[in-house]
Amino acid sequence: MLPGIMTLWFIQAILFAGFVALDSRATPESPVLKWGFIIVTLYSGPVGLVLWLLACREPLPGTHERYVAARWRQVVGSTMHCVAGDGIGILAAAVVGSLLNLPMGLEVAFEYAAGFLFGWMIFQALFMRDMVGGSYGKALAATFYAELVSMNGVMAGMVLVSMPWRAHLGMSPPSSAAFWFVMSIGLTLGFAVAYPINWWLVARGLKHGMMTIRSSAAPMPAMGMAGHEQGMHDMPMEPGMDMSHETGGSTTAAQRLAFAAGTFLLLAIALVISFRLS
């Protein structure tokens, strides 16, 4: 029965990701987040598709700015960005770790490091450097904290699925369908765990959410948002929200430290549970 379920899962994930890739061409979202939705839909199948349709897809021409202004949609974009980048690093490390037959503990550490570095240095700092003036060094500094705490949530959800399942399935190699099925479900749970963490980050101006990018010839919203100019539209800001990543947004250093400690505690608890179930 499980092989049939896995086959159906892969078929629908590929089809849904293909739909998102084609459908996203008509929505004025940033290319990075469009790729994020495509990648996460490959991981999560129907979950990614539903999130695309309800959280980002422009319902009517010229309405994207207001549509994505809702806090929960902003957080979907933030989490999508995180899981897409982190997931690529985690999957690559899982393949290498499995081929090298690394002990489970060492492989998990390798996955965490690879997921964090890829998500931080590529999906966050490299792709979003224009938001901090085009400097890659400034982008690295500005995105480090948000990526770190987000990664803790993604990895906490990931290990709760991947470690016990892979142990009970006999540590299936990357050449098996079971390996990719387990990793896909793990990243889907990782998205769910990282979502409330990203809510806190977005609400306090420590991370961006959805964005709207239009060409000069694209339809403009009937009631444009204050501060937006024709051409490129950054994400709509909610009251009390800003993009001052480097100054910590609306939080103190103590608050950011306490929140980060909480995410590390969450990851530690997930690891303890996972090792006991494996």
Protein backbone atom coordinates (compact mmCIF):
# COMPACT_ATOMS: atom_id res chain seq x y z
CA MET A 1 0.00 0.00 0.00
CA LEU A 2 2.81 2.42 0.89
CA PRO A 3 4.43 2.23 -2.59
CA GLY A 4 1.12 3.22 -4.15
CA ILE A 5 0.70 6.16 -1.76
CA MET A 6 4.24 7.33 -2.50
CA THR A 7 3.68 7.09 -6.26
CA LEU A 8 0.51 9.16 -6.04
CA TRP A 9 2.29 11.68 -3.80
CA PHE A 10 5.11 12.23 -6.28
CA ILE A 11 2.76 12.48 -9.26
CA GLN A 12 0.51 15.08 -7.65
CA ALA A 13 3.49 17.05 -6.26
CA ILE A 14 5.05 17.33 -9.72
CA LEU A 15 1.74 18.27 -11.34
CA PHE A 16 0.90 20.87 -8.70
CA ALA A 17 4.38 22.39 -8.84
CA GLY A 18 4.08 22.60 -12.61
CA PHE A 19 0.74 24.36 -12.27
CA VAL A 20 2.19 26.88 -9.80
CA ALA A 21 5.13 27.53 -12.14
CA LEU A 22 2.81 28.30 -15.06
CA ASP A 23 0.16 30.11 -13.05
CA SER A 24 2.63 32.34 -11.22
CA ARG A 25 3.59 34.14 -14.41
CA ALA A 26 0.42 36.23 -14.14
CA THR A 27 1.01 37.30 -10.52
CA PRO A 28 3.33 40.28 -9.80
CA GLU A 29 5.19 38.56 -6.97
CA SER A 30 8.98 38.65 -6.68
CA PRO A 31 10.78 35.92 -8.68
CA VAL A 32 12.45 34.61 -5.52
CA LEU A 33 9.13 33.97 -3.79
CA LYS A 34 7.63 32.48 -6.95
CA TRP A 35 10.49 29.98 -6.97
CA GLY A 36 9.90 29.46 -3.27
CA PHE A 37 6.29 28.44 -3.90
CA ILE A 38 7.31 26.11 -6.73
CA ILE A 39 10.00 24.41 -4.63
CA VAL A 40 7.83 24.04 -1.53
CA THR A 41 5.01 22.62 -3.66
CA LEU A 42 7.45 19.97 -4.86
CA TYR A 43 8.06 19.17 -1.20
CA SER A 44 4.50 19.40 0.06
CA GLY A 45 2.18 18.77 -2.90
CA PRO A 46 -1.37 19.94 -2.14
CA VAL A 47 -0.22 22.04 0.83
CA GLY A 48 1.96 24.21 -1.39
CA LEU A 49 -0.77 24.48 -4.04
CA VAL A 50 -3.40 25.63 -1.53
CA LEU A 51 -1.00 28.16 -0.04
CA TRP A 52 -0.25 29.54 -3.48
CA LEU A 53 -3.92 29.89 -4.38
CA LEU A 54 -5.00 31.43 -1.08
CA ALA A 55 -1.97 33.44 -0.01
CA CYS A 56 -0.21 34.83 -3.10
CA ARG A 57 -2.05 34.38 -6.40
CA GLU A 58 -3.45 37.73 -7.52
CA PRO A 59 -7.26 37.34 -7.52
CA LEU A 60 -7.92 40.29 -9.85
CA PRO A 61 -5.54 42.51 -11.85
CA GLY A 62 -4.15 45.34 -9.75
CA THR A 63 -5.15 43.85 -6.38
CA HIS A 64 -1.98 42.05 -5.31
CA GLU A 65 -0.68 44.81 -3.04
CA ARG A 66 -3.79 44.86 -0.89
CA TYR A 67 -4.41 41.13 -1.15
CA VAL A 68 -1.05 40.15 0.35
CA ALA A 69 -1.14 42.86 3.02
CA ALA A 70 -2.92 40.52 5.46
CA ARG A 71 -0.50 39.44 8.18
CA TRP A 72 -1.07 35.71 7.68
CA ARG A 73 -0.25 36.01 3.97
CA GLN A 74 2.89 37.97 4.76
CA VAL A 75 3.95 35.17 7.08
CA VAL A 76 3.23 32.51 4.45
CA GLY A 77 5.64 34.33 2.13
CA SER A 78 8.27 34.61 4.83
CA THR A 79 8.00 30.93 5.75
CA MET A 80 7.91 29.85 2.11
CA HIS A 81 11.15 31.72 1.47
CA CYS A 82 12.78 30.05 4.45
CA VAL A 83 11.65 26.46 3.80
CA ALA A 84 12.48 26.56 0.10
CA GLY A 85 16.10 27.54 0.71
CA ASP A 86 16.66 25.52 3.87
CA GLY A 87 15.00 22.49 2.29
CA ILE A 88 17.42 22.39 -0.64
CA GLY A 89 20.39 22.42 1.73
CA ILE A 90 18.82 19.79 4.00
CA LEU A 91 18.00 17.45 1.11
CA ALA A 92 21.47 17.78 -0.42
CA ALA A 93 23.10 17.02 2.93
CA ALA A 94 20.75 14.08 3.55
CA VAL A 95 21.74 12.56 0.21
CA VAL A 96 25.46 13.01 0.88
CA GLY A 97 25.14 11.79 4.47
CA SER A 98 23.24 8.70 3.37
CA LEU A 99 25.77 7.89 0.64
CA LEU A 100 28.61 8.28 3.15
CA ASN A 101 26.68 6.18 5.68
CA LEU A 102 27.09 8.82 8.38
CA PRO A 103 25.74 8.06 11.87
CA MET A 104 22.27 9.55 12.35
CA GLY A 105 23.44 12.21 14.82
CA LEU A 106 26.24 13.39 12.54
CA GLU A 107 23.95 13.39 9.52
CA VAL A 108 21.39 15.55 11.34
CA ALA A 109 24.13 18.04 12.26
CA PHE A 110 25.31 18.07 8.65
CA GLU A 111 21.75 18.65 7.41
CA TYR A 112 21.29 21.53 9.86
CA ALA A 113 24.54 23.21 8.82
CA ALA A 114 23.88 22.78 5.10
CA GLY A 115 20.26 23.92 5.37
CA PHE A 116 21.20 27.00 7.37
CA LEU A 117 24.13 28.02 5.18
CA PHE A 118 22.26 27.56 1.91
CA GLY A 119 19.14 29.29 3.18
CA TRP A 120 21.12 32.16 4.72
CA MET A 121 23.82 32.76 2.12
CA ILE A 122 21.76 32.09 -1.01
CA PHE A 123 18.00 32.40 -0.53
CA GLN A 124 18.23 35.15 2.07
CA ALA A 125 21.37 37.26 1.65
CA LEU A 126 22.19 36.77 -2.04
CA PHE A 127 18.68 36.96 -3.46
CA MET A 128 17.50 39.74 -1.12
CA ARG A 129 20.60 41.94 -1.04
CA ASP A 130 18.88 44.71 -3.04
CA MET A 131 16.57 45.30 -0.06
CA VAL A 132 19.56 46.50 1.99
CA GLY A 133 21.20 48.62 -0.68
CA GLY A 134 22.85 45.92 -2.81
CA SER A 135 25.63 44.99 -0.39
CA TYR A 136 26.02 41.23 0.10
CA GLY A 137 27.91 41.74 3.37
CA LYS A 138 25.12 43.92 4.77
CA ALA A 139 22.57 41.38 3.57
CA LEU A 140 24.39 38.58 5.41
CA ALA A 141 24.35 40.59 8.63
CA ALA A 142 20.75 41.70 8.19
CA THR A 143 19.35 38.20 7.57
CA PHE A 144 21.44 36.09 9.97
CA TYR A 145 19.10 36.23 12.97
CA ALA A 146 15.88 35.61 11.07
CA GLU A 147 17.39 32.71 9.16
CA LEU A 148 18.79 31.14 12.33
CA VAL A 149 15.54 31.04 14.28
CA SER A 150 13.54 30.03 11.19
CA MET A 151 15.96 27.18 10.52
CA ASN A 152 15.46 25.89 14.06
CA GLY A 153 11.74 25.55 13.39
CA VAL A 154 12.20 23.87 10.01
CA MET A 155 14.70 21.38 11.44
CA ALA A 156 12.54 20.65 14.48
CA GLY A 157 9.66 19.58 12.26
CA MET A 158 11.98 17.78 9.87
CA VAL A 159 13.65 15.50 12.42
CA LEU A 160 10.34 14.53 14.05
CA VAL A 161 9.44 12.81 10.77
CA SER A 162 12.69 11.87 9.09
CA MET A 163 14.59 10.27 11.94
CA PRO A 164 11.92 7.82 13.21
CA TRP A 165 10.58 6.96 9.76
CA ARG A 166 13.96 6.41 8.17
CA ALA A 167 15.02 4.27 11.13
CA HIS A 168 11.92 2.08 10.87
CA LEU A 169 12.24 1.87 7.08
CA GLY A 170 15.82 0.68 7.40
CA MET A 171 17.53 3.97 6.46
CA SER A 172 16.35 3.85 2.85
CA PRO A 173 19.00 5.15 0.41
CA PRO A 174 18.49 8.21 -1.83
CA SER A 175 17.82 5.87 -4.77
CA SER A 176 14.57 4.74 -3.11
CA ALA A 177 11.18 6.40 -3.30
CA ALA A 178 10.80 5.99 0.47
CA PHE A 179 13.75 8.31 1.12
CA TRP A 180 12.20 11.19 -0.85
CA PHE A 181 8.72 10.56 0.50
CA VAL A 182 9.91 10.77 4.10
CA MET A 183 11.96 13.89 3.44
CA SER A 184 8.99 15.54 1.69
CA ILE A 185 6.66 14.90 4.62
CA GLY A 186 9.38 16.07 7.01
CA LEU A 187 9.79 19.39 5.21
CA THR A 188 6.02 19.85 5.14
CA LEU A 189 5.91 19.51 8.92
CA GLY A 190 8.95 21.79 9.09
CA PHE A 191 6.91 24.46 7.32
CA ALA A 192 4.14 24.14 9.91
CA VAL A 193 6.57 24.44 12.83
CA ALA A 194 8.43 27.39 11.27
CA TYR A 195 5.22 29.32 10.53
CA PRO A 196 4.60 30.71 14.06
CA ILE A 197 8.30 31.57 14.34
CA ASN A 198 8.05 33.58 11.14
CA TRP A 199 4.88 35.23 12.40
CA TRP A 200 6.87 36.67 15.30
CA LEU A 201 9.65 37.79 12.95
CA VAL A 202 7.34 39.48 10.45
CA ALA A 203 5.20 41.11 13.15
CA ARG A 204 8.30 42.75 14.61
CA GLY A 205 9.87 43.89 11.35
CA LEU A 206 12.71 41.37 11.50
CA LYS A 207 11.80 39.67 8.23
CA HIS A 208 9.97 40.55 5.03
CA GLY A 209 6.87 38.78 3.75
CA MET A 210 5.21 38.95 0.34
CA MET A 211 6.27 41.58 -2.17
CA THR A 212 4.69 43.03 -5.29
CA ILE A 213 6.84 43.81 -8.30
CA ARG A 214 5.24 45.37 -11.36
CA SER A 215 6.58 46.59 -14.67
CA SER A 216 5.66 50.13 -15.59
CA ALA A 217 3.11 48.80 -18.07
CA ALA A 218 1.41 46.47 -15.58
CA PRO A 219 -2.07 47.24 -14.17
CA MET A 220 -1.89 49.46 -11.12
CA PRO A 221 -4.15 49.03 -8.10
CA ALA A 222 -7.24 51.22 -8.13
CA MET A 223 -6.29 52.62 -4.71
CA GLY A 224 -2.52 52.49 -4.47
CA MET A 225 -0.87 52.20 -1.10
CA ALA A 226 0.91 55.26 0.25
CA GLY A 227 4.64 55.30 -0.34
CA HIS A 228 4.55 52.98 -3.38
CA GLU A 229 5.91 54.19 -6.67
CA GLN A 230 5.17 52.83 -10.09
CA GLY A 231 7.57 50.06 -11.02
CA MET A 232 8.69 48.04 -8.01
CA HIS A 233 6.45 47.66 -4.99
CA ASP A 234 7.90 46.31 -1.79
CA MET A 235 5.63 44.46 0.59
CA PRO A 236 2.75 46.44 2.07
CA MET A 237 3.61 47.43 5.61
CA GLU A 238 1.27 47.00 8.53
CA PRO A 239 1.16 49.49 11.42
CA GLY A 240 4.22 49.12 13.63
CA MET A 241 6.03 47.03 11.06
CA ASP A 242 9.29 48.02 9.38
CA MET A 243 12.24 46.53 7.56
CA SER A 244 14.99 47.65 9.94
CA HIS A 245 16.58 44.21 10.10
CA GLU A 246 19.95 45.46 11.24
CA THR A 247 18.54 47.43 14.17
CA GLY A 248 16.27 44.60 15.32
CA GLY A 249 12.95 46.05 14.17
CA SER A 250 10.66 46.72 17.12
CA THR A 251 12.47 44.37 19.52
CA THR A 252 15.23 44.69 22.08
CA ALA A 253 18.40 42.62 22.10
CA ALA A 254 17.12 40.76 25.18
CA GLN A 255 13.86 39.88 23.42
CA ARG A 256 15.66 38.58 20.36
CA LEU A 257 18.04 36.54 22.52
CA ALA A 258 15.17 35.04 24.52
CA PHE A 259 13.23 34.17 21.38
CA ALA A 260 16.28 32.54 19.78
CA ALA A 261 16.85 30.51 22.95
CA GLY A 262 13.24 29.36 22.77
CA THR A 263 13.70 28.10 19.20
CA PHE A 264 16.86 26.22 20.17
CA LEU A 265 14.95 24.65 23.06
CA LEU A 266 12.21 23.64 20.62
CA LEU A 267 14.80 22.02 18.36
CA ALA A 268 16.42 20.23 21.31
CA ILE A 269 13.06 18.80 22.42
CA ALA A 270 12.34 17.62 18.86
CA LEU A 271 15.73 15.93 18.68
CA VAL A 272 15.23 14.14 22.00
CA ILE A 273 11.82 12.86 20.91
CA SER A 274 13.17 11.80 17.51
CA PHE A 275 16.14 9.88 18.93
CA ARG A 276 13.87 8.07 21.37
CA LEU A 277 11.49 7.05 18.60
CA SER A 278 14.25 5.97 16.23
